[in-house]
């Protein structure tokens, strides 16, 4: 698996602005981000920027969200 960041440019309160996600591919990253969406809505993640950061060398075998950026209002 790889470590990815996913971020969008739309600014909201009570919304996720980005995540660090460990997954098998970019499609899976988008699916995970959509599942945890808040007031930003699921569709924002369809056009969010995804960057591959590197290889995941940890012990977990299933994809997961490692870190999230949340704007509380």
N, C-alpha and C. Protein backbone atom coordinates (compact mmCIF):
# COMPACT_ATOMS: atom_id res chain seq x y z
N UNK A 1 0.85 -1.18 0.00
CA UNK A 1 0.00 0.00 0.00
C UNK A 1 0.88 1.23 0.00
N UNK A 2 0.27 2.35 -0.36
CA UNK A 2 0.99 3.62 -0.42
C UNK A 2 0.31 4.64 0.50
N UNK A 3 1.06 5.69 0.82
CA UNK A 3 0.54 6.81 1.59
C UNK A 3 0.19 7.92 0.61
N UNK A 4 -1.04 8.42 0.71
CA UNK A 4 -1.53 9.48 -0.18
C UNK A 4 -2.03 10.65 0.65
N UNK A 5 -1.92 11.86 0.10
CA UNK A 5 -2.66 13.00 0.64
C UNK A 5 -3.74 13.35 -0.37
N UNK A 6 -4.89 13.76 0.15
CA UNK A 6 -5.99 14.23 -0.69
C UNK A 6 -6.48 15.54 -0.10
N UNK A 7 -6.57 16.58 -0.94
CA UNK A 7 -6.95 17.92 -0.49
C UNK A 7 -7.84 18.59 -1.52
N UNK A 8 -8.73 19.44 -1.04
CA UNK A 8 -9.55 20.23 -1.96
C UNK A 8 -9.40 21.71 -1.63
N UNK A 9 -9.84 22.57 -2.54
CA UNK A 9 -9.65 24.02 -2.43
C UNK A 9 -10.85 24.74 -1.84
N UNK A 10 -11.98 24.07 -1.69
CA UNK A 10 -13.18 24.73 -1.19
C UNK A 10 -13.10 24.88 0.32
N UNK A 11 -13.43 26.07 0.81
CA UNK A 11 -13.33 26.36 2.23
C UNK A 11 -14.71 26.37 2.87
N UNK A 12 -14.87 25.58 3.90
CA UNK A 12 -16.13 25.48 4.65
C UNK A 12 -15.83 25.34 6.13
N UNK A 13 -16.85 25.54 6.94
CA UNK A 13 -16.76 25.19 8.36
C UNK A 13 -17.44 23.85 8.55
N UNK A 14 -17.05 23.16 9.61
CA UNK A 14 -17.55 21.81 9.88
C UNK A 14 -17.33 20.91 8.68
N UNK A 15 -16.14 20.99 8.13
CA UNK A 15 -15.82 20.24 6.91
C UNK A 15 -14.38 19.74 6.95
N UNK A 16 -14.16 18.62 6.31
CA UNK A 16 -12.80 18.12 6.12
C UNK A 16 -12.16 18.86 4.95
N UNK A 17 -10.92 19.28 5.15
CA UNK A 17 -10.17 19.97 4.10
C UNK A 17 -9.18 19.04 3.40
N UNK A 18 -8.81 17.97 4.10
CA UNK A 18 -7.86 17.02 3.53
C UNK A 18 -7.62 15.85 4.45
N UNK A 19 -6.98 14.83 3.91
CA UNK A 19 -6.67 13.62 4.66
C UNK A 19 -5.30 13.07 4.23
N UNK A 20 -4.70 12.30 5.11
CA UNK A 20 -3.58 11.43 4.76
C UNK A 20 -4.15 10.03 4.86
N UNK A 21 -4.14 9.31 3.75
CA UNK A 21 -4.80 8.00 3.68
C UNK A 21 -3.82 6.96 3.16
N UNK A 22 -3.84 5.81 3.80
CA UNK A 22 -3.07 4.66 3.34
C UNK A 22 -4.02 3.77 2.55
N UNK A 23 -3.70 3.52 1.28
CA UNK A 23 -4.60 2.76 0.42
C UNK A 23 -3.81 2.08 -0.70
N UNK A 24 -4.54 1.28 -1.46
CA UNK A 24 -3.92 0.55 -2.58
C UNK A 24 -3.82 1.39 -3.85
N UNK A 25 -4.76 2.33 -4.05
CA UNK A 25 -4.74 3.16 -5.25
C UNK A 25 -5.56 4.43 -5.03
N UNK A 26 -5.51 5.34 -6.01
CA UNK A 26 -6.17 6.64 -5.87
C UNK A 26 -7.69 6.52 -5.84
N UNK A 27 -8.25 5.56 -6.53
CA UNK A 27 -9.69 5.35 -6.49
C UNK A 27 -10.15 5.02 -5.07
N UNK A 28 -9.40 4.19 -4.40
CA UNK A 28 -9.70 3.81 -3.02
C UNK A 28 -9.58 5.02 -2.09
N UNK A 29 -8.60 5.90 -2.35
CA UNK A 29 -8.43 7.12 -1.56
C UNK A 29 -9.69 7.98 -1.65
N UNK A 30 -10.20 8.18 -2.84
CA UNK A 30 -11.43 8.97 -3.03
C UNK A 30 -12.62 8.34 -2.30
N UNK A 31 -12.75 7.02 -2.37
CA UNK A 31 -13.85 6.33 -1.70
C UNK A 31 -13.78 6.51 -0.19
N UNK A 32 -12.60 6.40 0.38
CA UNK A 32 -12.42 6.56 1.82
C UNK A 32 -12.74 8.00 2.23
N UNK A 33 -12.27 8.98 1.45
CA UNK A 33 -12.55 10.39 1.76
C UNK A 33 -14.05 10.67 1.70
N UNK A 34 -14.75 10.11 0.73
CA UNK A 34 -16.19 10.32 0.60
C UNK A 34 -16.94 9.73 1.79
N UNK A 35 -16.50 8.58 2.29
CA UNK A 35 -17.18 7.93 3.42
C UNK A 35 -17.13 8.78 4.69
N UNK A 36 -16.08 9.58 4.84
CA UNK A 36 -15.94 10.39 6.05
C UNK A 36 -16.35 11.84 5.85
N UNK A 37 -16.97 12.15 4.71
CA UNK A 37 -17.29 13.55 4.42
C UNK A 37 -18.27 14.14 5.44
N UNK A 38 -18.16 15.44 5.64
CA UNK A 38 -19.04 16.19 6.55
C UNK A 38 -19.77 17.25 5.71
N UNK A 39 -19.77 18.50 6.15
CA UNK A 39 -20.50 19.56 5.43
C UNK A 39 -19.92 19.90 4.06
N UNK A 40 -18.73 19.45 3.75
CA UNK A 40 -18.17 19.72 2.42
C UNK A 40 -18.86 18.88 1.34
N UNK A 41 -19.51 17.80 1.73
CA UNK A 41 -20.20 16.94 0.78
C UNK A 41 -19.27 15.93 0.12
N UNK A 42 -19.84 14.89 -0.41
CA UNK A 42 -19.07 13.82 -1.03
C UNK A 42 -18.47 14.23 -2.38
N UNK A 43 -19.20 15.07 -3.14
CA UNK A 43 -18.76 15.39 -4.51
C UNK A 43 -17.46 16.18 -4.56
N UNK A 44 -17.11 16.90 -3.50
CA UNK A 44 -15.87 17.68 -3.49
C UNK A 44 -14.64 16.77 -3.64
N UNK A 45 -14.77 15.53 -3.20
CA UNK A 45 -13.64 14.60 -3.25
C UNK A 45 -13.41 14.03 -4.66
N UNK A 46 -14.40 14.18 -5.54
CA UNK A 46 -14.25 13.70 -6.92
C UNK A 46 -13.18 14.48 -7.68
N UNK A 47 -13.00 15.76 -7.34
CA UNK A 47 -12.01 16.58 -8.05
C UNK A 47 -10.87 17.04 -7.15
N UNK A 48 -10.78 16.47 -5.96
CA UNK A 48 -9.71 16.82 -5.02
C UNK A 48 -8.36 16.32 -5.54
N UNK A 49 -7.32 17.06 -5.20
CA UNK A 49 -5.96 16.72 -5.61
C UNK A 49 -5.41 15.58 -4.75
N UNK A 50 -4.90 14.56 -5.41
CA UNK A 50 -4.28 13.42 -4.70
C UNK A 50 -2.80 13.40 -5.04
N UNK A 51 -1.98 13.27 -4.00
CA UNK A 51 -0.53 13.18 -4.16
C UNK A 51 -0.05 11.88 -3.52
N UNK A 52 0.78 11.14 -4.22
CA UNK A 52 1.40 9.94 -3.65
C UNK A 52 2.63 10.38 -2.86
N UNK A 53 2.64 10.05 -1.57
CA UNK A 53 3.73 10.50 -0.70
C UNK A 53 4.82 9.44 -0.51
N UNK A 54 4.47 8.17 -0.63
CA UNK A 54 5.48 7.12 -0.45
C UNK A 54 4.85 5.79 -0.11
N UNK A 55 5.70 4.83 0.17
CA UNK A 55 5.26 3.48 0.51
C UNK A 55 4.90 3.39 2.00
N UNK A 56 3.85 2.66 2.30
CA UNK A 56 3.47 2.39 3.69
C UNK A 56 4.22 1.13 4.13
N UNK A 57 4.95 1.22 5.23
CA UNK A 57 5.74 0.09 5.72
C UNK A 57 5.25 -0.43 7.06
N UNK A 58 4.08 0.04 7.50
CA UNK A 58 3.53 -0.39 8.78
C UNK A 58 2.93 -1.78 8.71
N UNK A 59 2.30 -2.18 9.79
CA UNK A 59 1.77 -3.54 9.92
C UNK A 59 0.33 -3.70 9.47
N UNK A 60 -0.42 -2.62 9.39
CA UNK A 60 -1.83 -2.73 9.01
C UNK A 60 -1.96 -3.21 7.57
N UNK A 61 -2.93 -4.07 7.33
CA UNK A 61 -3.12 -4.66 6.00
C UNK A 61 -4.31 -4.06 5.25
N UNK A 62 -5.21 -3.39 5.97
CA UNK A 62 -6.39 -2.79 5.37
C UNK A 62 -6.20 -1.28 5.20
N UNK A 63 -6.75 -0.67 4.16
CA UNK A 63 -6.66 0.78 3.98
C UNK A 63 -7.27 1.54 5.16
N UNK A 64 -6.72 2.73 5.46
CA UNK A 64 -7.22 3.52 6.59
C UNK A 64 -6.82 4.98 6.45
N UNK A 65 -7.51 5.83 7.19
CA UNK A 65 -7.17 7.25 7.27
C UNK A 65 -6.17 7.43 8.41
N UNK A 66 -5.02 7.96 8.09
CA UNK A 66 -3.96 8.16 9.07
C UNK A 66 -4.13 9.49 9.80
N UNK A 67 -4.56 10.53 9.06
CA UNK A 67 -4.65 11.88 9.62
C UNK A 67 -5.65 12.68 8.81
N UNK A 68 -6.41 13.57 9.48
CA UNK A 68 -7.38 14.41 8.79
C UNK A 68 -7.25 15.86 9.22
N UNK A 69 -7.54 16.77 8.30
CA UNK A 69 -7.56 18.21 8.56
C UNK A 69 -9.04 18.63 8.54
N UNK A 70 -9.56 19.03 9.72
CA UNK A 70 -10.98 19.37 9.87
C UNK A 70 -11.11 20.83 10.30
N UNK A 71 -11.97 21.56 9.63
CA UNK A 71 -12.24 22.96 9.97
C UNK A 71 -13.55 23.04 10.74
N UNK A 72 -13.45 23.21 12.05
CA UNK A 72 -14.65 23.30 12.89
C UNK A 72 -15.13 24.74 12.95
N UNK A 73 -16.43 24.93 12.95
CA UNK A 73 -16.95 26.29 12.96
C UNK A 73 -17.99 26.40 13.97
